[in-house]
N, C-alpha and C. Protein backbone atom coordinates (compact mmCIF):
# COMPACT_ATOMS: atom_id res chain seq x y z
N MET A 1 88.62 91.08 111.47
CA MET A 1 88.22 91.07 113.33
C MET A 1 89.12 91.73 114.06
N LEU A 2 88.95 92.87 114.62
CA LEU A 2 90.18 92.59 115.37
C LEU A 2 89.74 92.20 116.80
N ASP A 3 90.45 92.23 118.10
CA ASP A 3 90.45 91.32 119.34
C ASP A 3 89.52 92.00 120.36
N ALA A 4 89.37 93.89 120.39
CA ALA A 4 88.74 94.55 120.91
C ALA A 4 87.39 93.77 120.22
N ASP A 5 87.17 93.40 118.83
CA ASP A 5 85.64 93.48 117.91
C ASP A 5 85.05 92.33 119.01
N LEU A 6 85.84 91.41 119.38
CA LEU A 6 85.92 89.96 120.10
C LEU A 6 86.02 90.14 121.07
N ALA A 7 86.31 90.56 121.63
CA ALA A 7 86.08 90.74 123.35
C ALA A 7 84.78 91.03 123.94
N LYS A 8 84.62 92.15 122.43
CA LYS A 8 82.73 92.92 122.80
C LYS A 8 82.17 91.91 122.72
N LEU A 9 82.48 91.09 122.11
CA LEU A 9 81.23 90.02 121.58
C LEU A 9 81.28 88.66 122.70
N TYR A 10 82.08 88.75 123.09
CA TYR A 10 81.55 87.63 124.49
C TYR A 10 81.62 88.21 125.56
N GLY A 11 81.79 89.62 125.37
CA GLY A 11 82.01 90.86 127.32
C GLY A 11 82.57 90.08 128.06
N VAL A 12 84.66 90.25 127.81
CA VAL A 12 85.17 90.22 128.53
C VAL A 12 86.36 91.54 127.61
N SER A 13 87.70 91.70 128.76
CA SER A 13 88.87 92.69 128.13
C SER A 13 89.07 91.81 126.92
N THR A 14 89.89 92.17 126.56
CA THR A 14 91.39 91.96 125.30
C THR A 14 92.57 91.36 125.79
N GLN A 15 92.49 91.64 127.36
CA GLN A 15 93.47 90.83 127.63
C GLN A 15 93.32 89.29 127.63
N VAL A 16 91.82 89.26 128.35
CA VAL A 16 91.51 88.07 128.56
C VAL A 16 91.07 87.20 127.93
N LEU A 17 90.48 88.30 126.52
CA LEU A 17 90.55 86.84 125.12
C LEU A 17 92.40 86.39 124.90
N ASN A 18 92.89 87.54 124.53
CA ASN A 18 94.14 87.41 124.29
C ASN A 18 95.55 86.40 125.11
N GLN A 19 95.31 86.53 126.12
CA GLN A 19 96.32 85.30 126.80
C GLN A 19 95.69 83.92 127.06
N PRO A 20 94.77 82.92 126.44
CA PRO A 20 94.32 82.20 125.84
C PRO A 20 95.29 81.58 124.80
N VAL A 21 95.39 82.18 123.66
CA VAL A 21 95.44 82.43 122.42
C VAL A 21 97.15 82.67 123.28
N LYS A 22 98.30 83.63 123.52
CA LYS A 22 99.21 83.74 123.68
C LYS A 22 99.86 82.36 124.03
N ARG A 23 99.20 81.34 125.43
CA ARG A 23 99.21 79.98 126.31
C ARG A 23 98.80 78.93 125.21
N ASN A 24 98.55 79.37 124.82
CA ASN A 24 98.77 78.40 123.01
C ASN A 24 98.75 78.21 121.76
N THR A 25 99.62 78.70 121.39
CA THR A 25 100.18 79.66 120.24
C THR A 25 99.67 78.08 119.58
N ILE A 26 100.31 77.48 119.76
CA ILE A 26 100.26 75.29 119.12
C ILE A 26 99.01 75.02 118.00
N ARG A 27 97.84 76.16 119.33
CA ARG A 27 96.59 75.50 118.74
C ARG A 27 96.27 76.71 117.86
N PHE A 28 97.35 77.68 117.18
CA PHE A 28 96.15 78.37 116.26
C PHE A 28 97.19 78.44 115.35
N PRO A 29 96.85 78.23 113.87
CA PRO A 29 97.88 78.65 112.67
C PRO A 29 98.05 79.95 112.50
N ASP A 30 99.04 79.56 112.11
CA ASP A 30 99.77 80.82 112.28
C ASP A 30 99.06 82.31 111.66
N ASP A 31 98.33 82.02 110.90
CA ASP A 31 97.86 83.26 110.06
C ASP A 31 96.07 83.41 110.80
N PHE A 32 96.07 82.86 112.25
CA PHE A 32 95.08 83.16 112.95
C PHE A 32 95.07 83.96 113.10
N THR A 33 96.38 84.64 113.84
CA THR A 33 96.58 85.79 114.55
C THR A 33 97.92 86.82 113.45
N PHE A 34 97.21 87.84 114.03
CA PHE A 34 98.43 89.02 113.70
C PHE A 34 98.34 90.51 114.42
N GLN A 35 99.79 90.77 114.32
CA GLN A 35 99.75 92.13 115.40
C GLN A 35 99.87 93.71 114.03
N LEU A 36 98.92 93.92 114.60
CA LEU A 36 99.37 95.60 113.58
C LEU A 36 100.23 95.84 114.39
N THR A 37 101.17 97.09 113.21
CA THR A 37 102.21 98.20 113.46
C THR A 37 101.06 98.97 114.11
N GLY A 38 102.31 99.97 114.41
CA GLY A 38 101.67 100.98 115.52
C GLY A 38 101.33 102.53 114.28
N GLU A 39 101.90 102.04 113.35
CA GLU A 39 101.24 103.00 111.50
C GLU A 39 100.09 102.35 111.24
N GLU A 40 99.47 101.56 111.61
CA GLU A 40 98.66 100.09 111.01
C GLU A 40 97.58 100.67 111.77
N ALA A 41 98.20 100.67 113.04
CA ALA A 41 96.57 101.07 113.99
C ALA A 41 96.26 102.17 114.11
N ALA A 42 97.04 103.34 113.87
CA ALA A 42 96.56 104.34 113.74
C ALA A 42 95.43 105.07 112.88
N ALA A 43 95.71 104.32 111.67
CA ALA A 43 95.47 104.01 109.97
C ALA A 43 94.53 104.08 110.16
N LEU A 44 93.94 102.62 111.06
CA LEU A 44 92.37 101.66 111.04
C LEU A 44 92.32 102.93 111.70
N ARG A 45 92.15 103.16 113.07
CA ARG A 45 91.43 103.96 113.85
C ARG A 45 91.54 105.53 113.18
N SER A 46 91.65 106.00 112.32
CA SER A 46 91.46 107.11 111.45
C SER A 46 90.42 106.56 110.95
N GLN A 47 90.74 105.69 109.91
CA GLN A 47 89.37 105.30 108.94
C GLN A 47 88.04 104.65 109.63
N LEU A 48 88.18 104.33 110.93
CA LEU A 48 87.16 104.42 111.58
C LEU A 48 86.36 105.76 112.59
N VAL A 49 87.34 106.51 112.03
CA VAL A 49 86.89 107.90 112.58
C VAL A 49 86.27 108.91 111.51
N THR A 50 86.70 108.42 110.15
CA THR A 50 86.17 109.16 109.67
C THR A 50 84.64 108.33 109.57
N THR A 51 84.85 107.32 109.61
CA THR A 51 83.20 106.66 108.94
C THR A 51 82.36 107.02 109.56
N ALA A 52 82.96 107.07 111.32
CA ALA A 52 81.75 107.19 111.93
C ALA A 52 81.13 109.25 111.88
N ARG A 53 82.30 109.41 111.25
CA ARG A 53 81.92 110.74 111.32
C ARG A 53 80.21 110.81 110.54
N LYS A 54 81.23 110.51 109.52
CA LYS A 54 80.06 110.38 107.60
C LYS A 54 78.70 109.42 108.45
N GLN A 55 78.40 108.57 108.94
CA GLN A 55 77.16 107.53 109.55
C GLN A 55 76.75 108.68 110.98
N GLY A 56 77.74 109.94 111.37
CA GLY A 56 76.28 110.21 112.61
C GLY A 56 76.01 111.75 111.97
């Protein structure tokens, strides 16, 4: 699940969701968060668009 998904679920912006995580890194295990590379993010967006087109 991406930060944008969680933010939408909680009704906040991604920035508001990510701030506490950045401020309290000791409370979150290393495998709790990860950062996509630009290439990975682009590939994920491409997959989401392709899926949305097939469903629509």
